[in-house]
Amino acid sequence: MITVREKVRFVETDMMGVVHHSNHFRWFEMARVEYLRQAGVLLLDLMAQDIVFPITEVSCQYKASARFDDWLLIQAKLADLSRAKMVFTYQIVRENDHTLLATGRTQNVFTDGSGRIIRLPLEYYNGLHALFATEE
């Protein structure tokens, strides 16, 4: 599992000082990108090879509210991996009291720039699989 620490900004809240629900998906993405980075997979390298990974499924279950100035721990874990797709699960926890704020899941498929599903080249898959194997 990879953890990203992030502070809630005022712009991410509504008039009640509560985080708007749409931010959770952005935080999931931040943790997912960091997971890939930790596995040695850099987005700019993928994009240079015309490889993208659009989300085909996303869900979020909201448990408690985050508020302005809260420090959050956004945790990403690779739950399923093949050369055609990857599935991540997430938890967002408030750092100071360890309250679980949200859980989520995303599924991405690997495609070329025209949207055709492809198999992830082994140079990237092997790095992801190695990190994934340490979590199983």
C-alpha atoms as a PDB file:
ATOM      1  CA  MET A   1       0.000   0.000   0.000  1.00  0.00           C
ATOM      2  CA  ILE A   2       1.215   3.485  -0.857  1.00  0.00           C
ATOM      3  CA  THR A   3       0.205   6.443   1.319  1.00  0.00           C
ATOM      4  CA  VAL A   4       0.088  10.086   0.252  1.00  0.00           C
ATOM      5  CA  ARG A   5      -0.282  12.821   2.890  1.00  0.00           C
ATOM      6  CA  GLU A   6      -2.348  15.836   1.826  1.00  0.00           C
ATOM      7  CA  LYS A   7      -3.811  18.868   3.594  1.00  0.00           C
ATOM      8  CA  VAL A   8      -7.375  19.950   2.787  1.00  0.00           C
ATOM      9  CA  ARG A   9      -7.339  23.364   1.119  1.00  0.00           C
ATOM     10  CA  PHE A  10     -10.084  25.940   1.525  1.00  0.00           C
ATOM     11  CA  VAL A  11     -10.885  25.765  -2.200  1.00  0.00           C
ATOM     12  CA  GLU A  12     -11.768  22.073  -1.747  1.00  0.00           C
ATOM     13  CA  THR A  13     -14.574  22.859   0.706  1.00  0.00           C
ATOM     14  CA  ASP A  14     -18.126  24.102   0.463  1.00  0.00           C
ATOM     15  CA  MET A  15     -19.671  26.988   2.412  1.00  0.00           C
ATOM     16  CA  MET A  16     -19.891  24.762   5.497  1.00  0.00           C
ATOM     17  CA  GLY A  17     -16.144  24.065   5.455  1.00  0.00           C
ATOM     18  CA  VAL A  18     -16.743  20.433   4.437  1.00  0.00           C
ATOM     19  CA  VAL A  19     -14.795  18.882   1.576  1.00  0.00           C
ATOM     20  CA  HIS A  20     -16.776  18.630  -1.651  1.00  0.00           C
ATOM     21  CA  HIS A  21     -17.258  14.996  -2.663  1.00  0.00           C
ATOM     22  CA  SER A  22     -15.573  15.424  -6.058  1.00  0.00           C
ATOM     23  CA  ASN A  23     -12.168  15.923  -4.417  1.00  0.00           C
ATOM     24  CA  HIS A  24     -12.033  12.312  -3.312  1.00  0.00           C
ATOM     25  CA  PHE A  25     -11.582  11.186  -6.921  1.00  0.00           C
ATOM     26  CA  ARG A  26      -8.684  13.600  -7.377  1.00  0.00           C
ATOM     27  CA  TRP A  27      -7.077  12.288  -4.195  1.00  0.00           C
ATOM     28  CA  PHE A  28      -7.505   8.723  -5.462  1.00  0.00           C
ATOM     29  CA  GLU A  29      -5.662   9.761  -8.618  1.00  0.00           C
ATOM     30  CA  MET A  30      -2.832  11.345  -6.640  1.00  0.00           C
ATOM     31  CA  ALA A  31      -2.318   8.108  -4.694  1.00  0.00           C
ATOM     32  CA  ARG A  32      -2.601   5.979  -7.850  1.00  0.00           C
ATOM     33  CA  VAL A  33       0.040   8.069  -9.636  1.00  0.00           C
ATOM     34  CA  GLU A  34       2.343   7.801  -6.616  1.00  0.00           C
ATOM     35  CA  TYR A  35       1.814   4.028  -6.550  1.00  0.00           C
ATOM     36  CA  LEU A  36       2.884   3.823 -10.193  1.00  0.00           C
ATOM     37  CA  ARG A  37       5.893   6.043  -9.455  1.00  0.00           C
ATOM     38  CA  GLN A  38       6.939   3.765  -6.581  1.00  0.00           C
ATOM     39  CA  ALA A  39       6.737   0.835  -9.026  1.00  0.00           C
ATOM     40  CA  GLY A  40       9.043   2.685 -11.443  1.00  0.00           C
ATOM     41  CA  VAL A  41       6.249   3.536 -13.884  1.00  0.00           C
ATOM     42  CA  LEU A  42       6.262   7.227 -14.819  1.00  0.00           C
ATOM     43  CA  LEU A  43       3.257   8.735 -16.564  1.00  0.00           C
ATOM     44  CA  LEU A  44       5.358  10.849 -18.897  1.00  0.00           C
ATOM     45  CA  ASP A  45       7.193   7.707 -20.064  1.00  0.00           C
ATOM     46  CA  LEU A  46       3.888   5.951 -20.753  1.00  0.00           C
ATOM     47  CA  MET A  47       2.498   8.952 -22.599  1.00  0.00           C
ATOM     48  CA  ALA A  48       5.663   9.213 -24.690  1.00  0.00           C
ATOM     49  CA  GLN A  49       4.931   5.661 -25.854  1.00  0.00           C
ATOM     50  CA  ASP A  50       1.279   6.523 -26.571  1.00  0.00           C
ATOM     51  CA  ILE A  51       0.045   4.489 -23.577  1.00  0.00           C
ATOM     52  CA  VAL A  52      -2.779   5.826 -21.429  1.00  0.00           C
ATOM     53  CA  PHE A  53      -4.993   4.133 -18.861  1.00  0.00           C
ATOM     54  CA  PRO A  54      -8.505   5.557 -18.750  1.00  0.00           C
ATOM     55  CA  ILE A  55     -10.791   4.724 -15.855  1.00  0.00           C
ATOM     56  CA  THR A  56     -13.590   2.342 -16.790  1.00  0.00           C
ATOM     57  CA  GLU A  57     -15.101   2.018 -13.303  1.00  0.00           C
ATOM     58  CA  VAL A  58     -14.971   4.238 -10.219  1.00  0.00           C
ATOM     59  CA  SER A  59     -16.730   4.184  -6.865  1.00  0.00           C
ATOM     60  CA  CYS A  60     -16.478   5.973  -3.545  1.00  0.00           C
ATOM     61  CA  GLN A  61     -18.193   5.267  -0.253  1.00  0.00           C
ATOM     62  CA  TYR A  62     -18.270   8.312   2.003  1.00  0.00           C
ATOM     63  CA  LYS A  63     -17.992   7.503   5.714  1.00  0.00           C
ATOM     64  CA  ALA A  64     -17.290  10.852   7.434  1.00  0.00           C
ATOM     65  CA  SER A  65     -16.570  14.433   6.417  1.00  0.00           C
ATOM     66  CA  ALA A  66     -13.150  15.957   5.908  1.00  0.00           C
ATOM     67  CA  ARG A  67     -12.826  19.646   6.711  1.00  0.00           C
ATOM     68  CA  PHE A  68     -10.599  22.574   5.878  1.00  0.00           C
ATOM     69  CA  ASP A  69      -7.058  22.163   7.264  1.00  0.00           C
ATOM     70  CA  ASP A  70      -7.432  18.430   8.028  1.00  0.00           C
ATOM     71  CA  TRP A  71      -4.375  16.362   7.199  1.00  0.00           C
ATOM     72  CA  LEU A  72      -5.403  13.295   5.202  1.00  0.00           C
ATOM     73  CA  LEU A  73      -3.678  10.007   4.511  1.00  0.00           C
ATOM     74  CA  ILE A  74      -4.737   8.706   1.107  1.00  0.00           C
ATOM     75  CA  GLN A  75      -3.868   5.042   0.750  1.00  0.00           C
ATOM     76  CA  ALA A  76      -3.806   3.172  -2.548  1.00  0.00           C
ATOM     77  CA  LYS A  77      -3.469  -0.560  -2.937  1.00  0.00           C
ATOM     78  CA  LEU A  78      -3.335  -2.498  -6.188  1.00  0.00           C
ATOM     79  CA  ALA A  79      -6.092  -5.115  -5.912  1.00  0.00           C
ATOM     80  CA  ASP A  80      -5.875  -6.725  -9.367  1.00  0.00           C
ATOM     81  CA  LEU A  81      -3.389  -6.499 -12.202  1.00  0.00           C
ATOM     82  CA  SER A  82      -3.081  -7.892 -15.709  1.00  0.00           C
ATOM     83  CA  ARG A  83      -1.327  -6.542 -18.762  1.00  0.00           C
ATOM     84  CA  ALA A  84      -4.693  -5.143 -19.944  1.00  0.00           C
ATOM     85  CA  LYS A  85      -6.054  -3.599 -16.729  1.00  0.00           C
ATOM     86  CA  MET A  86      -5.389  -2.617 -13.135  1.00  0.00           C
ATOM     87  CA  VAL A  87      -7.761  -2.229 -10.198  1.00  0.00           C
ATOM     88  CA  PHE A  88      -6.961  -0.085  -7.172  1.00  0.00           C
ATOM     89  CA  THR A  89      -8.679   0.221  -3.820  1.00  0.00           C
ATOM     90  CA  TYR A  90      -8.367   3.313  -1.638  1.00  0.00           C
ATOM     91  CA  GLN A  91      -8.858   4.545   1.887  1.00  0.00           C
ATOM     92  CA  ILE A  92      -8.856   8.151   3.014  1.00  0.00           C
ATOM     93  CA  VAL A  93      -8.134   8.583   6.721  1.00  0.00           C
ATOM     94  CA  ARG A  94      -7.970  11.749   8.803  1.00  0.00           C
ATOM     95  CA  GLU A  95      -4.460  11.750  10.244  1.00  0.00           C
ATOM     96  CA  ASN A  96      -5.067  13.242  13.702  1.00  0.00           C
ATOM     97  CA  ASP A  97      -7.791  10.830  14.864  1.00  0.00           C
ATOM     98  CA  HIS A  98      -7.466   7.987  12.302  1.00  0.00           C
ATOM     99  CA  THR A  99     -11.122   8.330  11.283  1.00  0.00           C
ATOM    100  CA  LEU A 100     -11.915   6.488   8.064  1.00  0.00           C
ATOM    101  CA  LEU A 101     -13.423   9.147   5.802  1.00  0.00           C
ATOM    102  CA  ALA A 102     -13.897   7.248   2.544  1.00  0.00           C
ATOM    103  CA  THR A 103     -13.125   4.058   0.668  1.00  0.00           C
ATOM    104  CA  GLY A 104     -13.038   3.642  -3.080  1.00  0.00           C
ATOM    105  CA  ARG A 105     -12.142   1.596  -6.087  1.00  0.00           C
ATOM    106  CA  THR A 106     -11.034   2.322  -9.641  1.00  0.00           C
ATOM    107  CA  GLN A 107     -10.474   0.132 -12.660  1.00  0.00           C
ATOM    108  CA  ASN A 108      -8.245   1.291 -15.489  1.00  0.00           C
ATOM    109  CA  VAL A 109      -7.552  -0.337 -18.838  1.00  0.00           C
ATOM    110  CA  PHE A 110      -4.416   0.247 -20.855  1.00  0.00           C
ATOM    111  CA  THR A 111      -5.026   1.770 -24.276  1.00  0.00           C
ATOM    112  CA  ASP A 112      -3.165   3.475 -27.042  1.00  0.00           C
ATOM    113  CA  GLY A 113      -3.921   7.089 -27.913  1.00  0.00           C
ATOM    114  CA  SER A 114      -6.815   6.067 -30.158  1.00  0.00           C
ATOM    115  CA  GLY A 115      -8.538   4.175 -27.344  1.00  0.00           C
ATOM    116  CA  ARG A 116      -7.701   0.653 -28.515  1.00  0.00           C
ATOM    117  CA  ILE A 117      -7.052  -1.682 -25.563  1.00  0.00           C
ATOM    118  CA  ILE A 118      -3.451  -2.871 -25.499  1.00  0.00           C
ATOM    119  CA  ARG A 119      -1.230  -5.062 -23.359  1.00  0.00           C
ATOM    120  CA  LEU A 120       1.099  -3.117 -21.091  1.00  0.00           C
ATOM    121  CA  PRO A 121       4.711  -3.645 -22.184  1.00  0.00           C
ATOM    122  CA  LEU A 122       6.628  -5.976 -19.875  1.00  0.00           C
ATOM    123  CA  GLU A 123       9.077  -3.238 -18.848  1.00  0.00           C
ATOM    124  CA  TYR A 124       6.196  -1.515 -17.019  1.00  0.00           C
ATOM    125  CA  TYR A 125       4.158  -4.558 -16.072  1.00  0.00           C
ATOM    126  CA  ASN A 126       7.091  -6.215 -14.310  1.00  0.00           C
ATOM    127  CA  GLY A 127       7.646  -3.208 -12.035  1.00  0.00           C
ATOM    128  CA  LEU A 128       3.965  -3.026 -11.147  1.00  0.00           C
ATOM    129  CA  HIS A 129       3.734  -6.759 -10.625  1.00  0.00           C
ATOM    130  CA  ALA A 130       6.777  -6.774  -8.337  1.00  0.00           C
ATOM    131  CA  LEU A 131       5.228  -4.131  -6.040  1.00  0.00           C
ATOM    132  CA  PHE A 132       1.821  -5.843  -6.239  1.00  0.00           C
ATOM    133  CA  ALA A 133       3.382  -9.184  -5.245  1.00  0.00           C
ATOM    134  CA  THR A 134       4.784  -7.669  -2.037  1.00  0.00           C
ATOM    135  CA  GLU A 135       1.224  -6.739  -0.977  1.00  0.00           C
ATOM    136  CA  GLU A 136      -0.414 -10.119  -1.567  1.00  0.00           C
END
